[in-house]
Amino acid sequence: PVRRVAACLARELYACTMREVTAEDGASEECTSTMAVAIVNANEENLCASLSRCVSADELEVGIKTRLVDPATQSRSAEAIEIRLELKAMGVWQAAAAIAYCLEHESKDATVQAVLRALAGDAT
């Protein structure tokens, strides 16, 4: 049950990212996918690896316990992977990784922080 719920959650996270990326907003030509950046920051590649193991039914024997193959979990995992691959083909993960990298380094850069504080002071 836990793996099935995790697969459903992964599918919904990827679907939410897809909706965010493909949403047509007439007022803006920009795409700021906060969901994609958050997923990348949470080590999305490990999620994909776990989903792949669920689909292929690897790691079914853990110690002395044997897990049964669950077709519903495999199906949800496959659906999640399919959406992920569409996002990858669109370049979403690469862009999100670049944004995450910039945000991380921007927050550590004293010069950038000084400029942002100065701009915030001018805005008030």
PDB file of N, CA and C in Angstrom:
ATOM      1  N   PRO A   1       0.807  -1.217   0.000  1.00  0.00           N
ATOM      2  CA  PRO A   1       0.000   0.000   0.000  1.00  0.00           C
ATOM      3  C   PRO A   1       0.848   1.279   0.000  1.00  0.00           C
ATOM      4  N   VAL A   2       1.957   1.278   0.729  1.00  0.00           N
ATOM      5  CA  VAL A   2       2.788   2.476   0.800  1.00  0.00           C
ATOM      6  C   VAL A   2       3.426   2.763  -0.554  1.00  0.00           C
ATOM      7  N   ARG A   3       3.908   1.732  -1.208  1.00  0.00           N
ATOM      8  CA  ARG A   3       4.528   1.930  -2.523  1.00  0.00           C
ATOM      9  C   ARG A   3       3.502   2.421  -3.539  1.00  0.00           C
ATOM     10  N   ARG A   4       2.281   1.900  -3.455  1.00  0.00           N
ATOM     11  CA  ARG A   4       1.228   2.330  -4.382  1.00  0.00           C
ATOM     12  C   ARG A   4       0.900   3.807  -4.165  1.00  0.00           C
ATOM     13  N   VAL A   5       0.788   4.210  -2.908  1.00  0.00           N
ATOM     14  CA  VAL A   5       0.499   5.611  -2.599  1.00  0.00           C
ATOM     15  C   VAL A   5       1.659   6.501  -3.056  1.00  0.00           C
ATOM     16  N   ALA A   6       2.879   6.044  -2.850  1.00  0.00           N
ATOM     17  CA  ALA A   6       4.046   6.811  -3.294  1.00  0.00           C
ATOM     18  C   ALA A   6       4.054   6.954  -4.820  1.00  0.00           C
ATOM     19  N   ALA A   7       3.688   5.899  -5.519  1.00  0.00           N
ATOM     20  CA  ALA A   7       3.628   5.955  -6.981  1.00  0.00           C
ATOM     21  C   ALA A   7       2.533   6.924  -7.439  1.00  0.00           C
ATOM     22  N   CYS A   8       1.391   6.894  -6.756  1.00  0.00           N
ATOM     23  CA  CYS A   8       0.302   7.838  -7.087  1.00  0.00           C
ATOM     24  C   CYS A   8       0.738   9.273  -6.830  1.00  0.00           C
ATOM     25  N   LEU A   9       1.422   9.491  -5.703  1.00  0.00           N
ATOM     26  CA  LEU A   9       1.902  10.832  -5.377  1.00  0.00           C
ATOM     27  C   LEU A   9       2.912  11.310  -6.415  1.00  0.00           C
ATOM     28  N   ALA A  10       3.820  10.439  -6.810  1.00  0.00           N
ATOM     29  CA  ALA A  10       4.816  10.809  -7.827  1.00  0.00           C
ATOM     30  C   ALA A  10       4.123  11.176  -9.134  1.00  0.00           C
ATOM     31  N   ARG A  11       3.135  10.375  -9.524  1.00  0.00           N
ATOM     32  CA  ARG A  11       2.388  10.667 -10.752  1.00  0.00           C
ATOM     33  C   ARG A  11       1.721  12.036 -10.662  1.00  0.00           C
ATOM     34  N   GLU A  12       1.134  12.346  -9.520  1.00  0.00           N
ATOM     35  CA  GLU A  12       0.461  13.637  -9.345  1.00  0.00           C
ATOM     36  C   GLU A  12       1.449  14.796  -9.308  1.00  0.00           C
ATOM     37  N   LEU A  13       2.607  14.593  -8.713  1.00  0.00           N
ATOM     38  CA  LEU A  13       3.640  15.643  -8.707  1.00  0.00           C
ATOM     39  C   LEU A  13       4.104  15.953 -10.134  1.00  0.00           C
ATOM     40  N   TYR A  14       4.355  14.896 -10.902  1.00  0.00           N
ATOM     41  CA  TYR A  14       4.758  15.103 -12.288  1.00  0.00           C
ATOM     42  C   TYR A  14       3.634  15.739 -13.101  1.00  0.00           C
ATOM     43  N   ALA A  15       2.403  15.309 -12.862  1.00  0.00           N
ATOM     44  CA  ALA A  15       1.259  15.881 -13.587  1.00  0.00           C
ATOM     45  C   ALA A  15       1.080  17.352 -13.229  1.00  0.00           C
ATOM     46  N   CYS A  16       1.266  17.691 -11.970  1.00  0.00           N
ATOM     47  CA  CYS A  16       1.168  19.085 -11.541  1.00  0.00           C
ATOM     48  C   CYS A  16       2.249  19.930 -12.216  1.00  0.00           C
ATOM     49  N   THR A  17       3.445  19.363 -12.308  1.00  0.00           N
ATOM     50  CA  THR A  17       4.537  20.059 -12.999  1.00  0.00           C
ATOM     51  C   THR A  17       4.195  20.259 -14.462  1.00  0.00           C
ATOM     52  N   MET A  18       3.625  19.247 -15.085  1.00  0.00           N
ATOM     53  CA  MET A  18       3.234  19.352 -16.493  1.00  0.00           C
ATOM     54  C   MET A  18       2.183  20.439 -16.673  1.00  0.00           C
ATOM     55  N   ARG A  19       1.191  20.471 -15.797  1.00  0.00           N
ATOM     56  CA  ARG A  19       0.154  21.516 -15.895  1.00  0.00           C
ATOM     57  C   ARG A  19       0.764  22.898 -15.715  1.00  0.00           C
ATOM     58  N   GLU A  20       1.687  23.009 -14.772  1.00  0.00           N
ATOM     59  CA  GLU A  20       2.327  24.294 -14.501  1.00  0.00           C
ATOM     60  C   GLU A  20       3.135  24.769 -15.706  1.00  0.00           C
ATOM     61  N   VAL A  21       3.816  23.843 -16.348  1.00  0.00           N
ATOM     62  CA  VAL A  21       4.678  24.185 -17.475  1.00  0.00           C
ATOM     63  C   VAL A  21       3.870  24.485 -18.735  1.00  0.00           C
ATOM     64  N   THR A  22       2.793  23.759 -18.928  1.00  0.00           N
ATOM     65  CA  THR A  22       2.033  23.907 -20.163  1.00  0.00           C
ATOM     66  C   THR A  22       0.845  24.856 -20.039  1.00  0.00           C
ATOM     67  N   ALA A  23       0.635  25.416 -18.855  1.00  0.00           N
ATOM     68  CA  ALA A  23      -0.489  26.342 -18.669  1.00  0.00           C
ATOM     69  C   ALA A  23      -0.294  27.552 -19.573  1.00  0.00           C
ATOM     70  N   GLU A  24      -1.342  27.900 -20.276  1.00  0.00           N
ATOM     71  CA  GLU A  24      -1.271  29.051 -21.162  1.00  0.00           C
ATOM     72  C   GLU A  24      -1.835  30.257 -20.427  1.00  0.00           C
ATOM     73  N   ASP A  25      -0.956  31.187 -20.150  1.00  0.00           N
ATOM     74  CA  ASP A  25      -1.353  32.413 -19.471  1.00  0.00           C
ATOM     75  C   ASP A  25      -1.161  33.548 -20.468  1.00  0.00           C
ATOM     76  N   GLY A  26      -2.240  34.126 -20.901  1.00  0.00           N
ATOM     77  CA  GLY A  26      -2.167  35.171 -21.918  1.00  0.00           C
ATOM     78  C   GLY A  26      -1.383  36.389 -21.491  1.00  0.00           C
ATOM     79  N   ALA A  27      -1.272  36.618 -20.186  1.00  0.00           N
ATOM     80  CA  ALA A  27      -0.589  37.807 -19.690  1.00  0.00           C
ATOM     81  C   ALA A  27       0.921  37.643 -19.639  1.00  0.00           C
ATOM     82  N   SER A  28       1.385  36.426 -19.739  1.00  0.00           N
ATOM     83  CA  SER A  28       2.815  36.209 -19.559  1.00  0.00           C
ATOM     84  C   SER A  28       3.326  35.147 -20.521  1.00  0.00           C
ATOM     85  N   GLU A  29       4.496  35.385 -21.057  1.00  0.00           N
ATOM     86  CA  GLU A  29       5.147  34.415 -21.930  1.00  0.00           C
ATOM     87  C   GLU A  29       6.171  33.604 -21.141  1.00  0.00           C
ATOM     88  N   GLU A  30       6.297  33.890 -19.841  1.00  0.00           N
ATOM     89  CA  GLU A  30       7.290  33.225 -19.013  1.00  0.00           C
ATOM     90  C   GLU A  30       6.756  31.919 -18.465  1.00  0.00           C
ATOM     91  N   CYS A  31       7.672  31.053 -18.113  1.00  0.00           N
ATOM     92  CA  CYS A  31       7.310  29.819 -17.438  1.00  0.00           C
ATOM     93  C   CYS A  31       8.200  29.707 -16.209  1.00  0.00           C
ATOM     94  N   THR A  32       7.631  29.896 -15.058  1.00  0.00           N
ATOM     95  CA  THR A  32       8.390  29.742 -13.827  1.00  0.00           C
ATOM     96  C   THR A  32       7.807  28.551 -13.090  1.00  0.00           C
ATOM     97  N   SER A  33       8.367  27.417 -13.314  1.00  0.00           N
ATOM     98  CA  SER A  33       7.845  26.189 -12.731  1.00  0.00           C
ATOM     99  C   SER A  33       8.449  25.968 -11.355  1.00  0.00           C
ATOM    100  N   THR A  34       7.791  26.505 -10.361  1.00  0.00           N
ATOM    101  CA  THR A  34       8.277  26.329  -8.995  1.00  0.00           C
ATOM    102  C   THR A  34       8.201  24.859  -8.576  1.00  0.00           C
ATOM    103  N   MET A  35       7.227  24.143  -9.090  1.00  0.00           N
ATOM    104  CA  MET A  35       7.104  22.720  -8.761  1.00  0.00           C
ATOM    105  C   MET A  35       8.301  21.943  -9.305  1.00  0.00           C
ATOM    106  N   ALA A  36       8.696  22.211 -10.528  1.00  0.00           N
ATOM    107  CA  ALA A  36       9.841  21.505 -11.116  1.00  0.00           C
ATOM    108  C   ALA A  36      11.119  21.800 -10.335  1.00  0.00           C
ATOM    109  N   VAL A  37      11.309  23.050  -9.945  1.00  0.00           N
ATOM    110  CA  VAL A  37      12.500  23.416  -9.169  1.00  0.00           C
ATOM    111  C   VAL A  37      12.481  22.701  -7.824  1.00  0.00           C
ATOM    112  N   ALA A  38      11.323  22.662  -7.183  1.00  0.00           N
ATOM    113  CA  ALA A  38      11.212  21.984  -5.889  1.00  0.00           C
ATOM    114  C   ALA A  38      11.492  20.486  -6.020  1.00  0.00           C
ATOM    115  N   ILE A  39      10.986  19.874  -7.075  1.00  0.00           N
ATOM    116  CA  ILE A  39      11.210  18.439  -7.277  1.00  0.00           C
ATOM    117  C   ILE A  39      12.688  18.172  -7.549  1.00  0.00           C
ATOM    118  N   VAL A  40      13.330  19.015  -8.338  1.00  0.00           N
ATOM    119  CA  VAL A  40      14.757  18.851  -8.613  1.00  0.00           C
ATOM    120  C   VAL A  40      15.557  19.011  -7.323  1.00  0.00           C
ATOM    121  N   ASN A  41      15.191  19.997  -6.504  1.00  0.00           N
ATOM    122  CA  ASN A  41      15.882  20.193  -5.227  1.00  0.00           C
ATOM    123  C   ASN A  41      15.712  19.006  -4.287  1.00  0.00           C
ATOM    124  N   ALA A  42      14.636  18.264  -4.458  1.00  0.00           N
ATOM    125  CA  ALA A  42      14.373  17.098  -3.613  1.00  0.00           C
ATOM    126  C   ALA A  42      14.986  15.821  -4.190  1.00  0.00           C
ATOM    127  N   ASN A  43      15.897  15.965  -5.118  1.00  0.00           N
ATOM    128  CA  ASN A  43      16.612  14.848  -5.747  1.00  0.00           C
ATOM    129  C   ASN A  43      15.665  13.963  -6.554  1.00  0.00           C
ATOM    130  N   GLU A  44      15.123  14.543  -7.583  1.00  0.00           N
ATOM    131  CA  GLU A  44      14.151  13.897  -8.458  1.00  0.00           C
ATOM    132  C   GLU A  44      14.680  12.612  -9.089  1.00  0.00           C
ATOM    133  N   GLU A  45      15.961  12.518  -9.318  1.00  0.00           N
ATOM    134  CA  GLU A  45      16.519  11.328  -9.955  1.00  0.00           C
ATOM    135  C   GLU A  45      16.334  10.086  -9.082  1.00  0.00           C
ATOM    136  N   ASN A  46      16.380  10.253  -7.762  1.00  0.00           N
ATOM    137  CA  ASN A  46      16.128   9.108  -6.878  1.00  0.00           C
ATOM    138  C   ASN A  46      14.679   8.656  -6.971  1.00  0.00           C
ATOM    139  N   LEU A  47      13.772   9.601  -7.114  1.00  0.00           N
ATOM    140  CA  LEU A  47      12.360   9.271  -7.283  1.00  0.00           C
ATOM    141  C   LEU A  47      12.169   8.451  -8.558  1.00  0.00           C
ATOM    142  N   CYS A  48      12.785   8.899  -9.632  1.00  0.00           N
ATOM    143  CA  CYS A  48      12.678   8.181 -10.906  1.00  0.00           C
ATOM    144  C   CYS A  48      13.252   6.775 -10.794  1.00  0.00           C
ATOM    145  N   ALA A  49      14.369   6.633 -10.113  1.00  0.00           N
ATOM    146  CA  ALA A  49      14.983   5.313  -9.940  1.00  0.00           C
ATOM    147  C   ALA A  49      14.058   4.391  -9.144  1.00  0.00           C
ATOM    148  N   SER A  50      13.418   4.926  -8.118  1.00  0.00           N
ATOM    149  CA  SER A  50      12.478   4.119  -7.322  1.00  0.00           C
ATOM    150  C   SER A  50      11.280   3.691  -8.157  1.00  0.00           C
ATOM    151  N   LEU A  51      10.773   4.610  -8.964  1.00  0.00           N
ATOM    152  CA  LEU A  51       9.641   4.274  -9.834  1.00  0.00           C
ATOM    153  C   LEU A  51      10.029   3.201 -10.844  1.00  0.00           C
ATOM    154  N   SER A  52      11.225   3.317 -11.381  1.00  0.00           N
ATOM    155  CA  SER A  52      11.702   2.316 -12.354  1.00  0.00           C
ATOM    156  C   SER A  52      11.809   0.938 -11.712  1.00  0.00           C
ATOM    157  N   ARG A  53      12.274   0.905 -10.469  1.00  0.00           N
ATOM    158  CA  ARG A  53      12.357  -0.383  -9.768  1.00  0.00           C
ATOM    159  C   ARG A  53      10.961  -0.963  -9.534  1.00  0.00           C
ATOM    160  N   CYS A  54       9.992  -0.100  -9.261  1.00  0.00           N
ATOM    161  CA  CYS A  54       8.616  -0.586  -9.071  1.00  0.00           C
ATOM    162  C   CYS A  54       8.071  -1.187 -10.367  1.00  0.00           C
ATOM    163  N   VAL A  55       8.346  -0.527 -11.486  1.00  0.00           N
ATOM    164  CA  VAL A  55       7.843  -1.016 -12.772  1.00  0.00           C
ATOM    165  C   VAL A  55       8.481  -2.349 -13.131  1.00  0.00           C
ATOM    166  N   SER A  56       9.785  -2.463 -12.902  1.00  0.00           N
ATOM    167  CA  SER A  56      10.487  -3.687 -13.284  1.00  0.00           C
ATOM    168  C   SER A  56      10.393  -4.779 -12.221  1.00  0.00           C
ATOM    169  N   ALA A  57       9.781  -4.447 -11.079  1.00  0.00           N
ATOM    170  CA  ALA A  57       9.618  -5.400  -9.970  1.00  0.00           C
ATOM    171  C   ALA A  57      10.951  -5.843  -9.394  1.00  0.00           C
ATOM    172  N   ASP A  58      11.972  -4.981  -9.468  1.00  0.00           N
ATOM    173  CA  ASP A  58      13.248  -5.259  -8.810  1.00  0.00           C
ATOM    174  C   ASP A  58      13.082  -5.067  -7.309  1.00  0.00           C
ATOM    175  N   GLU A  59      14.004  -5.585  -6.565  1.00  0.00           N
ATOM    176  CA  GLU A  59      14.039  -5.454  -5.108  1.00  0.00           C
ATOM    177  C   GLU A  59      12.800  -6.022  -4.437  1.00  0.00           C
ATOM    178  N   LEU A  60      12.253  -7.067  -4.989  1.00  0.00           N
ATOM    179  CA  LEU A  60      11.075  -7.653  -4.351  1.00  0.00           C
ATOM    180  C   LEU A  60      11.439  -8.525  -3.159  1.00  0.00           C
ATOM    181  N   GLU A  61      12.675  -8.961  -3.103  1.00  0.00           N
ATOM    182  CA  GLU A  61      13.110  -9.725  -1.946  1.00  0.00           C
ATOM    183  C   GLU A  61      13.987  -8.838  -1.085  1.00  0.00           C
ATOM    184  N   VAL A  62      13.491  -8.540   0.114  1.00  0.00           N
ATOM    185  CA  VAL A  62      14.227  -7.700   1.049  1.00  0.00           C
ATOM    186  C   VAL A  62      14.452  -8.531   2.305  1.00  0.00           C
ATOM    187  N   GLY A  63      15.689  -8.960   2.514  1.00  0.00           N
ATOM    188  CA  GLY A  63      15.967  -9.823   3.657  1.00  0.00           C
ATOM    189  C   GLY A  63      15.186 -11.116   3.529  1.00  0.00           C
ATOM    190  N   ILE A  64      14.428 -11.441   4.561  1.00  0.00           N
ATOM    191  CA  ILE A  64      13.627 -12.661   4.518  1.00  0.00           C
ATOM    192  C   ILE A  64      12.208 -12.387   4.035  1.00  0.00           C
ATOM    193  N   LYS A  65      11.856 -11.104   3.904  1.00  0.00           N
ATOM    194  CA  LYS A  65      10.524 -10.766   3.411  1.00  0.00           C
ATOM    195  C   LYS A  65      10.515 -10.781   1.888  1.00  0.00           C
ATOM    196  N   THR A  66       9.440 -11.234   1.325  1.00  0.00           N
ATOM    197  CA  THR A  66       9.261 -11.200  -0.117  1.00  0.00           C
ATOM    198  C   THR A  66       8.028 -10.361  -0.417  1.00  0.00           C
ATOM    199  N   ARG A  67       8.192  -9.337  -1.224  1.00  0.00           N
ATOM    200  CA  ARG A  67       7.064  -8.492  -1.609  1.00  0.00           C
ATOM    201  C   ARG A  67       6.423  -9.059  -2.862  1.00  0.00           C
ATOM    202  N   LEU A  68       5.132  -8.985  -2.903  1.00  0.00           N
ATOM    203  CA  LEU A  68       4.407  -9.455  -4.075  1.00  0.00           C
ATOM    204  C   LEU A  68       4.342  -8.354  -5.120  1.00  0.00           C
ATOM    205  N   VAL A  69       4.312  -8.745  -6.365  1.00  0.00           N
ATOM    206  CA  VAL A  69       4.178  -7.782  -7.455  1.00  0.00           C
ATOM    207  C   VAL A  69       2.768  -7.204  -7.395  1.00  0.00           C
ATOM    208  N   ASP A  70       2.684  -5.891  -7.465  1.00  0.00           N
ATOM    209  CA  ASP A  70       1.389  -5.213  -7.418  1.00  0.00           C
ATOM    210  C   ASP A  70       1.171  -4.514  -8.759  1.00  0.00           C
ATOM    211  N   PRO A  71       0.282  -5.026  -9.590  1.00  0.00           N
ATOM    212  CA  PRO A  71       0.055  -4.426 -10.907  1.00  0.00           C
ATOM    213  C   PRO A  71      -0.393  -2.969 -10.836  1.00  0.00           C
ATOM    214  N   ALA A  72      -1.164  -2.612  -9.817  1.00  0.00           N
ATOM    215  CA  ALA A  72      -1.611  -1.219  -9.688  1.00  0.00           C
ATOM    216  C   ALA A  72      -0.425  -0.291  -9.431  1.00  0.00           C
ATOM    217  N   THR A  73       0.499  -0.724  -8.576  1.00  0.00           N
ATOM    218  CA  THR A  73       1.691   0.075  -8.294  1.00  0.00           C
ATOM    219  C   THR A  73       2.551   0.195  -9.546  1.00  0.00           C
ATOM    220  N   GLN A  74       2.697  -0.907 -10.262  1.00  0.00           N
ATOM    221  CA  GLN A  74       3.471  -0.869 -11.502  1.00  0.00           C
ATOM    222  C   GLN A  74       2.834   0.079 -12.512  1.00  0.00           C
ATOM    223  N   SER A  75       1.527   0.060 -12.597  1.00  0.00           N
ATOM    224  CA  SER A  75       0.820   0.933 -13.537  1.00  0.00           C
ATOM    225  C   SER A  75       0.999   2.399 -13.168  1.00  0.00           C
ATOM    226  N   ARG A  76       0.820   2.738 -11.884  1.00  0.00           N
ATOM    227  CA  ARG A  76       0.979   4.136 -11.446  1.00  0.00           C
ATOM    228  C   ARG A  76       2.412   4.605 -11.657  1.00  0.00           C
ATOM    229  N   SER A  77       3.357   3.722 -11.370  1.00  0.00           N
ATOM    230  CA  SER A  77       4.771   4.065 -11.566  1.00  0.00           C
ATOM    231  C   SER A  77       5.064   4.302 -13.041  1.00  0.00           C
ATOM    232  N   ALA A  78       4.531   3.451 -13.899  1.00  0.00           N
ATOM    233  CA  ALA A  78       4.741   3.618 -15.344  1.00  0.00           C
ATOM    234  C   ALA A  78       4.123   4.919 -15.834  1.00  0.00           C
ATOM    235  N   GLU A  79       2.946   5.264 -15.328  1.00  0.00           N
ATOM    236  CA  GLU A  79       2.310   6.534 -15.711  1.00  0.00           C
ATOM    237  C   GLU A  79       3.158   7.716 -15.274  1.00  0.00           C
ATOM    238  N   ALA A  80       3.701   7.644 -14.057  1.00  0.00           N
ATOM    239  CA  ALA A  80       4.557   8.717 -13.555  1.00  0.00           C
ATOM    240  C   ALA A  80       5.812   8.863 -14.415  1.00  0.00           C
ATOM    241  N   ILE A  81       6.416   7.737 -14.762  1.00  0.00           N
ATOM    242  CA  ILE A  81       7.632   7.769 -15.588  1.00  0.00           C
ATOM    243  C   ILE A  81       7.324   8.347 -16.966  1.00  0.00           C
ATOM    244  N   GLU A  82       6.176   8.017 -17.512  1.00  0.00           N
ATOM    245  CA  GLU A  82       5.794   8.536 -18.824  1.00  0.00           C
ATOM    246  C   GLU A  82       5.701  10.069 -18.799  1.00  0.00           C
ATOM    247  N   ILE A  83       5.068  10.601 -17.774  1.00  0.00           N
ATOM    248  CA  ILE A  83       4.959  12.065 -17.647  1.00  0.00           C
ATOM    249  C   ILE A  83       6.339  12.670 -17.442  1.00  0.00           C
ATOM    250  N   ARG A  84       7.162  12.016 -16.623  1.00  0.00           N
ATOM    251  CA  ARG A  84       8.518  12.508 -16.373  1.00  0.00           C
ATOM    252  C   ARG A  84       9.318  12.587 -17.666  1.00  0.00           C
ATOM    253  N   LEU A  85       9.192  11.552 -18.501  1.00  0.00           N
ATOM    254  CA  LEU A  85       9.937  11.544 -19.762  1.00  0.00           C
ATOM    255  C   LEU A  85       9.455  12.645 -20.708  1.00  0.00           C
ATOM    256  N   GLU A  86       8.157  12.938 -20.695  1.00  0.00           N
ATOM    257  CA  GLU A  86       7.643  14.053 -21.494  1.00  0.00           C
ATOM    258  C   GLU A  86       8.249  15.366 -21.010  1.00  0.00           C
ATOM    259  N   LEU A  87       8.309  15.539 -19.694  1.00  0.00           N
ATOM    260  CA  LEU A  87       8.905  16.755 -19.128  1.00  0.00           C
ATOM    261  C   LEU A  87      10.392  16.850 -19.480  1.00  0.00           C
ATOM    262  N   LYS A  88      11.065  15.709 -19.453  1.00  0.00           N
ATOM    263  CA  LYS A  88      12.485  15.686 -19.806  1.00  0.00           C
ATOM    264  C   LYS A  88      12.678  16.084 -21.265  1.00  0.00           C
ATOM    265  N   ALA A  89      11.826  15.565 -22.145  1.00  0.00           N
ATOM    266  CA  ALA A  89      11.926  15.894 -23.564  1.00  0.00           C
ATOM    267  C   ALA A  89      11.684  17.384 -23.812  1.00  0.00           C
ATOM    268  N   MET A  90      10.880  17.995 -22.954  1.00  0.00           N
ATOM    269  CA  MET A  90      10.607  19.430 -23.078  1.00  0.00           C
ATOM    270  C   MET A  90      11.739  20.280 -22.487  1.00  0.00           C
ATOM    271  N   GLY A  91      12.694  19.641 -21.813  1.00  0.00           N
ATOM    272  CA  GLY A  91      13.810  20.368 -21.213  1.00  0.00           C
ATOM    273  C   GLY A  91      13.502  20.944 -19.840  1.00  0.00           C
ATOM    274  N   VAL A  92      12.414  20.498 -19.242  1.00  0.00           N
ATOM    275  CA  VAL A  92      11.991  21.054 -17.956  1.00  0.00           C
ATOM    276  C   VAL A  92      12.992  20.746 -16.849  1.00  0.00           C
ATOM    277  N   TRP A  93      13.472  19.503 -16.796  1.00  0.00           N
ATOM    278  CA  TRP A  93      14.377  19.131 -15.702  1.00  0.00           C
ATOM    279  C   TRP A  93      15.712  19.858 -15.824  1.00  0.00           C
ATOM    280  N   GLN A  94      16.182  20.025 -17.036  1.00  0.00           N
ATOM    281  CA  GLN A  94      17.445  20.738 -17.225  1.00  0.00           C
ATOM    282  C   GLN A  94      17.294  22.199 -16.820  1.00  0.00           C
ATOM    283  N   ALA A  95      16.198  22.821 -17.220  1.00  0.00           N
ATOM    284  CA  ALA A  95      15.955  24.216 -16.853  1.00  0.00           C
ATOM    285  C   ALA A  95      15.773  24.355 -15.344  1.00  0.00           C
ATOM    286  N   ALA A  96      15.023  23.439 -14.745  1.00  0.00           N
ATOM    287  CA  ALA A  96      14.790  23.502 -13.303  1.00  0.00           C
ATOM    288  C   ALA A  96      16.094  23.322 -12.528  1.00  0.00           C
ATOM    289  N   ALA A  97      16.968  22.441 -13.014  1.00  0.00           N
ATOM    290  CA  ALA A  97      18.260  22.247 -12.358  1.00  0.00           C
ATOM    291  C   ALA A  97      19.107  23.514 -12.449  1.00  0.00           C
ATOM    292  N   ALA A  98      19.066  24.178 -13.597  1.00  0.00           N
ATOM    293  CA  ALA A  98      19.819  25.432 -13.756  1.00  0.00           C
ATOM    294  C   ALA A  98      19.272  26.519 -12.834  1.00  0.00           C
ATOM    295  N   ILE A  99      17.961  26.614 -12.747  1.00  0.00           N
ATOM    296  CA  ILE A  99      17.339  27.604 -11.860  1.00  0.00           C
ATOM    297  C   ILE A  99      17.684  27.306 -10.406  1.00  0.00           C
ATOM    298  N   ALA A 100      17.589  26.046 -10.017  1.00  0.00           N
ATOM    299  CA  ALA A 100      17.908  25.659  -8.641  1.00  0.00           C
ATOM    300  C   ALA A 100      19.360  25.987  -8.313  1.00  0.00           C
ATOM    301  N   TYR A 101      20.255  25.723  -9.251  1.00  0.00           N
ATOM    302  CA  TYR A 101      21.675  26.031  -9.053  1.00  0.00           C
ATOM    303  C   TYR A 101      21.875  27.531  -8.861  1.00  0.00           C
ATOM    304  N   CYS A 102      21.254  28.324  -9.711  1.00  0.00           N
ATOM    305  CA  CYS A 102      21.389  29.780  -9.612  1.00  0.00           C
ATOM    306  C   CYS A 102      20.821  30.306  -8.304  1.00  0.00           C
ATOM    307  N   LEU A 103      19.655  29.800  -7.917  1.00  0.00           N
ATOM    308  CA  LEU A 103      19.046  30.253  -6.662  1.00  0.00           C
ATOM    309  C   LEU A 103      19.918  29.905  -5.469  1.00  0.00           C
ATOM    310  N   GLU A 104      20.499  28.723  -5.491  1.00  0.00           N
ATOM    311  CA  GLU A 104      21.365  28.306  -4.384  1.00  0.00           C
ATOM    312  C   GLU A 104      22.590  29.203  -4.285  1.00  0.00           C
ATOM    313  N   HIS A 105      23.215  29.473  -5.421  1.00  0.00           N
ATOM    314  CA  HIS A 105      24.429  30.291  -5.404  1.00  0.00           C
ATOM    315  C   HIS A 105      24.110  31.769  -5.173  1.00  0.00           C
ATOM    316  N   GLU A 106      22.959  32.195  -5.647  1.00  0.00           N
ATOM    317  CA  GLU A 106      22.552  33.585  -5.432  1.00  0.00           C
ATOM    318  C   GLU A 106      22.356  33.862  -3.948  1.00  0.00           C
ATOM    319  N   SER A 107      21.796  32.905  -3.233  1.00  0.00           N
ATOM    320  CA  SER A 107      21.545  33.110  -1.806  1.00  0.00           C
ATOM    321  C   SER A 107      22.837  33.141  -0.998  1.00  0.00           C
ATOM    322  N   LYS A 108      23.915  32.589  -1.543  1.00  0.00           N
ATOM    323  CA  LYS A 108      25.206  32.576  -0.846  1.00  0.00           C
ATOM    324  C   LYS A 108      26.111  33.728  -1.258  1.00  0.00           C
ATOM    325  N   ASP A 109      25.746  34.458  -2.302  1.00  0.00           N
ATOM    326  CA  ASP A 109      26.592  35.526  -2.824  1.00  0.00           C
ATOM    327  C   ASP A 109      26.296  36.831  -2.085  1.00  0.00           C
ATOM    328  N   ALA A 110      27.281  37.324  -1.359  1.00  0.00           N
ATOM    329  CA  ALA A 110      27.101  38.537  -0.555  1.00  0.00           C
ATOM    330  C   ALA A 110      26.789  39.753  -1.428  1.00  0.00           C
ATOM    331  N   THR A 111      27.382  39.826  -2.603  1.00  0.00           N
ATOM    332  CA  THR A 111      27.137  40.962  -3.494  1.00  0.00           C
ATOM    333  C   THR A 111      25.687  40.976  -3.956  1.00  0.00           C
ATOM    334  N   VAL A 112      25.210  39.830  -4.358  1.00  0.00           N
ATOM    335  CA  VAL A 112      23.817  39.731  -4.810  1.00  0.00           C
ATOM    336  C   VAL A 112      22.878  40.095  -3.671  1.00  0.00           C
ATOM    337  N   GLN A 113      23.162  39.612  -2.476  1.00  0.00           N
ATOM    338  CA  GLN A 113      22.305  39.916  -1.329  1.00  0.00           C
ATOM    339  C   GLN A 113      22.304  41.401  -1.008  1.00  0.00           C
ATOM    340  N   ALA A 114      23.455  42.053  -1.132  1.00  0.00           N
ATOM    341  CA  ALA A 114      23.538  43.498  -0.883  1.00  0.00           C
ATOM    342  C   ALA A 114      22.711  44.270  -1.904  1.00  0.00           C
ATOM    343  N   VAL A 115      22.804  43.876  -3.166  1.00  0.00           N
ATOM    344  CA  VAL A 115      22.020  44.540  -4.215  1.00  0.00           C
ATOM    345  C   VAL A 115      20.528  44.326  -3.978  1.00  0.00           C
ATOM    346  N   LEU A 116      20.137  43.105  -3.626  1.00  0.00           N
ATOM    347  CA  LEU A 116      18.726  42.830  -3.369  1.00  0.00           C
ATOM    348  C   LEU A 116      18.205  43.641  -2.187  1.00  0.00           C
ATOM    349  N   ARG A 117      19.013  43.776  -1.125  1.00  0.00           N
ATOM    350  CA  ARG A 117      18.596  44.598   0.025  1.00  0.00           C
ATOM    351  C   ARG A 117      18.477  46.053  -0.378  1.00  0.00           C
ATOM    352  N   ALA A 118      19.404  46.525  -1.198  1.00  0.00           N
ATOM    353  CA  ALA A 118      19.345  47.922  -1.650  1.00  0.00           C
ATOM    354  C   ALA A 118      18.113  48.148  -2.509  1.00  0.00           C
ATOM    355  N   LEU A 119      17.812  47.213  -3.392  1.00  0.00           N
ATOM    356  CA  LEU A 119      16.613  47.344  -4.231  1.00  0.00           C
ATOM    357  C   LEU A 119      15.343  47.284  -3.390  1.00  0.00           C
ATOM    358  N   ALA A 120      15.334  46.437  -2.386  1.00  0.00           N
ATOM    359  CA  ALA A 120      14.159  46.344  -1.526  1.00  0.00           C
ATOM    360  C   ALA A 120      13.982  47.632  -0.737  1.00  0.00           C
ATOM    361  N   GLY A 121      15.087  48.264  -0.360  1.00  0.00           N
ATOM    362  CA  GLY A 121      15.028  49.532   0.366  1.00  0.00           C
ATOM    363  C   GLY A 121      14.491  50.639  -0.515  1.00  0.00           C
ATOM    364  N   ASP A 122      14.825  50.608  -1.810  1.00  0.00           N
ATOM    365  CA  ASP A 122      14.335  51.627  -2.760  1.00  0.00           C
ATOM    366  C   ASP A 122      12.854  51.442  -3.048  1.00  0.00           C
ATOM    367  N   ALA A 123      12.394  50.216  -2.974  1.00  0.00           N
ATOM    368  CA  ALA A 123      11.005  49.937  -3.307  1.00  0.00           C
ATOM    369  C   ALA A 123      10.043  50.387  -2.203  1.00  0.00           C
ATOM    370  N   THR A 124      10.549  50.517  -0.975  1.00  0.00           N
ATOM    371  CA  THR A 124       9.672  50.907   0.122  1.00  0.00           C
ATOM    372  C   THR A 124       9.633  52.380   0.351  1.00  0.00           C
TER     373      THR A 124
END
